[in-house]
Amino acid sequence: MATCSSCGAPIVWVKTPLGKMMPLDEKLIRYKQNPEGKDFLVSDRGETIRCDLVFDGLPTGMARRSHFVTCPNAEKFRKRGRKA
């Protein structure tokens, strides 16, 4: 298991469909896929899933949250000078 070099949290690395490596939180989260959902998770194949989190009942699946969302020091790793 890898750890974040900034906050020390356990992370899992996945390759996105564009071939970039992305850090995810270790914890798996239950979700129901919803194209209009307010949450975004990432599959172990690096695909973004728009969804609603499931706390009871049957989930569509399990995925992880991007560590860029939860790391208290994420701003330190953002690329400078990128235009949106």
N, C-alpha and C. Protein backbone atom coordinates (compact mmCIF):
# COMPACT_ATOMS: atom_id res chain seq x y z
N MET A 1 0.85 -1.19 0.00
CA MET A 1 0.00 0.00 0.00
C MET A 1 0.89 1.24 0.00
N ALA A 2 0.57 2.16 -0.86
CA ALA A 2 1.31 3.43 -0.94
C ALA A 2 0.71 4.43 0.05
N THR A 3 1.45 5.46 0.34
CA THR A 3 0.95 6.54 1.19
C THR A 3 1.18 7.87 0.50
N CYS A 4 0.32 8.84 0.81
CA CYS A 4 0.45 10.19 0.26
C CYS A 4 1.72 10.81 0.83
N SER A 5 2.56 11.36 -0.03
CA SER A 5 3.82 11.96 0.43
C SER A 5 3.58 13.25 1.20
N SER A 6 2.38 13.80 1.13
CA SER A 6 2.09 15.05 1.81
C SER A 6 1.40 14.85 3.16
N CYS A 7 0.33 14.04 3.18
CA CYS A 7 -0.43 13.88 4.43
C CYS A 7 -0.24 12.52 5.09
N GLY A 8 0.37 11.56 4.38
CA GLY A 8 0.63 10.25 4.96
C GLY A 8 -0.53 9.27 4.90
N ALA A 9 -1.66 9.66 4.31
CA ALA A 9 -2.82 8.77 4.21
C ALA A 9 -2.53 7.62 3.24
N PRO A 10 -3.10 6.44 3.50
CA PRO A 10 -2.94 5.33 2.55
C PRO A 10 -3.69 5.64 1.26
N ILE A 11 -3.05 5.38 0.13
CA ILE A 11 -3.66 5.63 -1.17
C ILE A 11 -3.46 4.44 -2.10
N VAL A 12 -4.26 4.40 -3.14
CA VAL A 12 -4.17 3.40 -4.20
C VAL A 12 -3.97 4.17 -5.49
N TRP A 13 -3.02 3.75 -6.30
CA TRP A 13 -2.79 4.42 -7.59
C TRP A 13 -3.52 3.68 -8.69
N VAL A 14 -4.20 4.42 -9.58
CA VAL A 14 -4.85 3.83 -10.76
C VAL A 14 -4.44 4.62 -11.99
N LYS A 15 -4.51 3.96 -13.12
CA LYS A 15 -4.23 4.64 -14.39
C LYS A 15 -5.57 5.04 -15.01
N THR A 16 -5.70 6.31 -15.37
CA THR A 16 -6.93 6.80 -15.99
C THR A 16 -6.99 6.33 -17.44
N PRO A 17 -8.15 6.45 -18.08
CA PRO A 17 -8.24 6.08 -19.50
C PRO A 17 -7.28 6.89 -20.39
N LEU A 18 -6.85 8.06 -19.92
CA LEU A 18 -5.89 8.86 -20.69
C LEU A 18 -4.44 8.50 -20.37
N GLY A 19 -4.24 7.48 -19.52
CA GLY A 19 -2.89 7.00 -19.22
C GLY A 19 -2.19 7.74 -18.09
N LYS A 20 -2.87 8.63 -17.39
CA LYS A 20 -2.27 9.36 -16.26
C LYS A 20 -2.50 8.58 -14.97
N MET A 21 -1.55 8.67 -14.06
CA MET A 21 -1.70 8.02 -12.77
C MET A 21 -2.45 8.94 -11.81
N MET A 22 -3.41 8.38 -11.07
CA MET A 22 -4.24 9.17 -10.16
C MET A 22 -4.28 8.49 -8.79
N PRO A 23 -4.06 9.27 -7.71
CA PRO A 23 -4.15 8.69 -6.37
C PRO A 23 -5.60 8.67 -5.89
N LEU A 24 -6.01 7.53 -5.33
CA LEU A 24 -7.35 7.39 -4.76
C LEU A 24 -7.22 7.05 -3.28
N ASP A 25 -8.23 7.43 -2.51
CA ASP A 25 -8.27 7.02 -1.11
C ASP A 25 -8.39 5.50 -1.05
N GLU A 26 -7.86 4.91 0.00
CA GLU A 26 -7.87 3.46 0.15
C GLU A 26 -9.29 2.91 0.34
N LYS A 27 -10.12 3.64 1.06
CA LYS A 27 -11.44 3.15 1.43
C LYS A 27 -12.39 3.03 0.24
N LEU A 28 -13.03 1.88 0.11
CA LEU A 28 -14.06 1.68 -0.91
C LEU A 28 -15.37 2.26 -0.39
N ILE A 29 -16.14 2.89 -1.30
CA ILE A 29 -17.40 3.53 -0.95
C ILE A 29 -18.51 2.92 -1.80
N ARG A 30 -19.63 2.61 -1.15
CA ARG A 30 -20.79 2.04 -1.85
C ARG A 30 -21.54 3.16 -2.57
N TYR A 31 -21.96 2.90 -3.81
CA TYR A 31 -22.65 3.93 -4.58
C TYR A 31 -23.75 3.34 -5.45
N LYS A 32 -24.67 4.21 -5.87
CA LYS A 32 -25.64 3.90 -6.91
C LYS A 32 -25.37 4.87 -8.04
N GLN A 33 -25.17 4.32 -9.23
CA GLN A 33 -24.87 5.17 -10.38
C GLN A 33 -26.08 6.06 -10.67
N ASN A 34 -25.80 7.35 -10.90
CA ASN A 34 -26.85 8.33 -11.19
C ASN A 34 -26.23 9.42 -12.05
N PRO A 35 -26.64 9.54 -13.31
CA PRO A 35 -26.04 10.54 -14.20
C PRO A 35 -26.22 11.97 -13.72
N GLU A 36 -27.14 12.19 -12.78
CA GLU A 36 -27.35 13.52 -12.22
C GLU A 36 -26.95 13.58 -10.75
N GLY A 37 -26.24 12.56 -10.27
CA GLY A 37 -25.83 12.50 -8.87
C GLY A 37 -24.88 13.62 -8.50
N LYS A 38 -24.79 13.89 -7.19
CA LYS A 38 -23.94 15.00 -6.74
C LYS A 38 -22.53 14.55 -6.36
N ASP A 39 -22.29 13.25 -6.33
CA ASP A 39 -20.98 12.74 -5.95
C ASP A 39 -20.25 12.16 -7.15
N PHE A 40 -18.92 12.18 -7.06
CA PHE A 40 -18.07 11.60 -8.10
C PHE A 40 -17.09 10.65 -7.42
N LEU A 41 -17.02 9.41 -7.90
CA LEU A 41 -16.05 8.43 -7.42
C LEU A 41 -15.25 7.97 -8.63
N VAL A 42 -14.20 7.18 -8.37
CA VAL A 42 -13.34 6.69 -9.44
C VAL A 42 -13.22 5.17 -9.31
N SER A 43 -13.43 4.47 -10.41
CA SER A 43 -13.32 3.01 -10.41
C SER A 43 -11.86 2.59 -10.36
N ASP A 44 -11.62 1.32 -10.11
CA ASP A 44 -10.25 0.81 -10.10
C ASP A 44 -9.64 0.78 -11.49
N ARG A 45 -10.45 1.09 -12.53
CA ARG A 45 -9.93 1.24 -13.89
C ARG A 45 -9.67 2.70 -14.22
N GLY A 46 -9.88 3.60 -13.23
CA GLY A 46 -9.61 5.02 -13.43
C GLY A 46 -10.74 5.79 -14.09
N GLU A 47 -11.92 5.19 -14.18
CA GLU A 47 -13.06 5.85 -14.81
C GLU A 47 -13.87 6.61 -13.76
N THR A 48 -14.28 7.83 -14.08
CA THR A 48 -15.09 8.64 -13.18
C THR A 48 -16.53 8.17 -13.21
N ILE A 49 -17.13 8.06 -12.03
CA ILE A 49 -18.51 7.60 -11.88
C ILE A 49 -19.30 8.70 -11.19
N ARG A 50 -20.34 9.19 -11.85
CA ARG A 50 -21.23 10.16 -11.20
C ARG A 50 -22.30 9.34 -10.49
N CYS A 51 -22.53 9.65 -9.22
CA CYS A 51 -23.35 8.76 -8.43
C CYS A 51 -23.94 9.42 -7.19
N ASP A 52 -24.71 8.62 -6.46
CA ASP A 52 -25.18 8.96 -5.12
C ASP A 52 -24.58 7.92 -4.19
N LEU A 53 -24.13 8.34 -3.03
CA LEU A 53 -23.57 7.40 -2.06
C LEU A 53 -24.69 6.59 -1.44
N VAL A 54 -24.41 5.33 -1.13
CA VAL A 54 -25.41 4.42 -0.56
C VAL A 54 -25.00 4.07 0.86
N PHE A 55 -25.89 4.36 1.79
CA PHE A 55 -25.61 4.04 3.20
C PHE A 55 -26.42 2.85 3.67
N ASP A 56 -27.52 2.55 2.99
CA ASP A 56 -28.29 1.33 3.25
C ASP A 56 -28.94 0.93 1.93
N GLY A 57 -29.28 -0.33 1.81
CA GLY A 57 -29.82 -0.83 0.55
C GLY A 57 -28.71 -1.35 -0.35
N LEU A 58 -29.09 -1.80 -1.53
CA LEU A 58 -28.14 -2.40 -2.45
C LEU A 58 -27.45 -1.34 -3.32
N PRO A 59 -26.12 -1.37 -3.34
CA PRO A 59 -25.39 -0.43 -4.20
C PRO A 59 -25.26 -0.97 -5.62
N THR A 60 -24.98 -0.08 -6.56
CA THR A 60 -24.62 -0.47 -7.92
C THR A 60 -23.22 -1.07 -7.91
N GLY A 61 -22.36 -0.51 -7.06
CA GLY A 61 -20.99 -0.99 -6.98
C GLY A 61 -20.23 -0.28 -5.87
N MET A 62 -18.92 -0.47 -5.90
CA MET A 62 -18.04 0.16 -4.93
C MET A 62 -16.88 0.80 -5.69
N ALA A 63 -16.51 1.98 -5.25
CA ALA A 63 -15.41 2.70 -5.90
C ALA A 63 -14.72 3.56 -4.84
N ARG A 64 -13.75 4.35 -5.26
CA ARG A 64 -12.97 5.15 -4.32
C ARG A 64 -13.07 6.64 -4.67
N ARG A 65 -12.79 7.47 -3.68
CA ARG A 65 -12.78 8.92 -3.87
C ARG A 65 -11.37 9.34 -4.28
N SER A 66 -11.27 10.29 -5.19
CA SER A 66 -9.97 10.83 -5.58
C SER A 66 -9.29 11.42 -4.34
N HIS A 67 -8.02 11.13 -4.16
CA HIS A 67 -7.32 11.67 -3.00
C HIS A 67 -7.13 13.19 -3.12
N PHE A 68 -7.24 13.73 -4.33
CA PHE A 68 -7.16 15.18 -4.50
C PHE A 68 -8.33 15.87 -3.79
N VAL A 69 -9.44 15.17 -3.60
CA VAL A 69 -10.61 15.73 -2.92
C VAL A 69 -10.42 15.74 -1.41
N THR A 70 -9.75 14.75 -0.86
CA THR A 70 -9.66 14.60 0.60
C THR A 70 -8.34 15.03 1.22
N CYS A 71 -7.29 15.15 0.43
CA CYS A 71 -5.98 15.51 0.98
C CYS A 71 -5.98 16.98 1.44
N PRO A 72 -5.59 17.23 2.68
CA PRO A 72 -5.56 18.61 3.17
C PRO A 72 -4.50 19.47 2.46
N ASN A 73 -3.58 18.83 1.75
CA ASN A 73 -2.51 19.56 1.08
C ASN A 73 -2.58 19.44 -0.44
N ALA A 74 -3.75 19.14 -0.99
CA ALA A 74 -3.89 18.89 -2.43
C ALA A 74 -3.45 20.07 -3.28
N GLU A 75 -3.67 21.28 -2.79
CA GLU A 75 -3.30 22.48 -3.57
C GLU A 75 -1.82 22.48 -3.92
N LYS A 76 -1.01 21.90 -3.06
CA LYS A 76 0.43 21.83 -3.26
C LYS A 76 0.80 21.04 -4.53
N PHE A 77 -0.08 20.13 -4.95
CA PHE A 77 0.21 19.27 -6.09
C PHE A 77 -0.48 19.70 -7.38
N ARG A 78 -1.25 20.77 -7.33
CA ARG A 78 -1.94 21.24 -8.53
C ARG A 78 -0.91 21.84 -9.49
N LYS A 79 -1.12 21.59 -10.77
CA LYS A 79 -0.21 22.13 -11.79
C LYS A 79 -0.52 23.60 -11.99
N ARG A 80 0.50 24.42 -11.98
CA ARG A 80 0.35 25.86 -12.14
C ARG A 80 0.30 26.22 -13.63
N GLY A 81 -0.39 27.30 -13.94
CA GLY A 81 -0.39 27.81 -15.29
C GLY A 81 -1.29 27.09 -16.26
N ARG A 82 -2.11 26.16 -15.77
CA ARG A 82 -3.04 25.46 -16.66
C ARG A 82 -4.27 26.32 -16.86
N LYS A 83 -4.74 26.36 -18.08
CA LYS A 83 -5.96 27.11 -18.37
C LYS A 83 -7.11 26.14 -18.47
N ALA A 84 -8.22 26.51 -17.84
CA ALA A 84 -9.40 25.64 -17.85
C ALA A 84 -10.20 25.77 -19.11
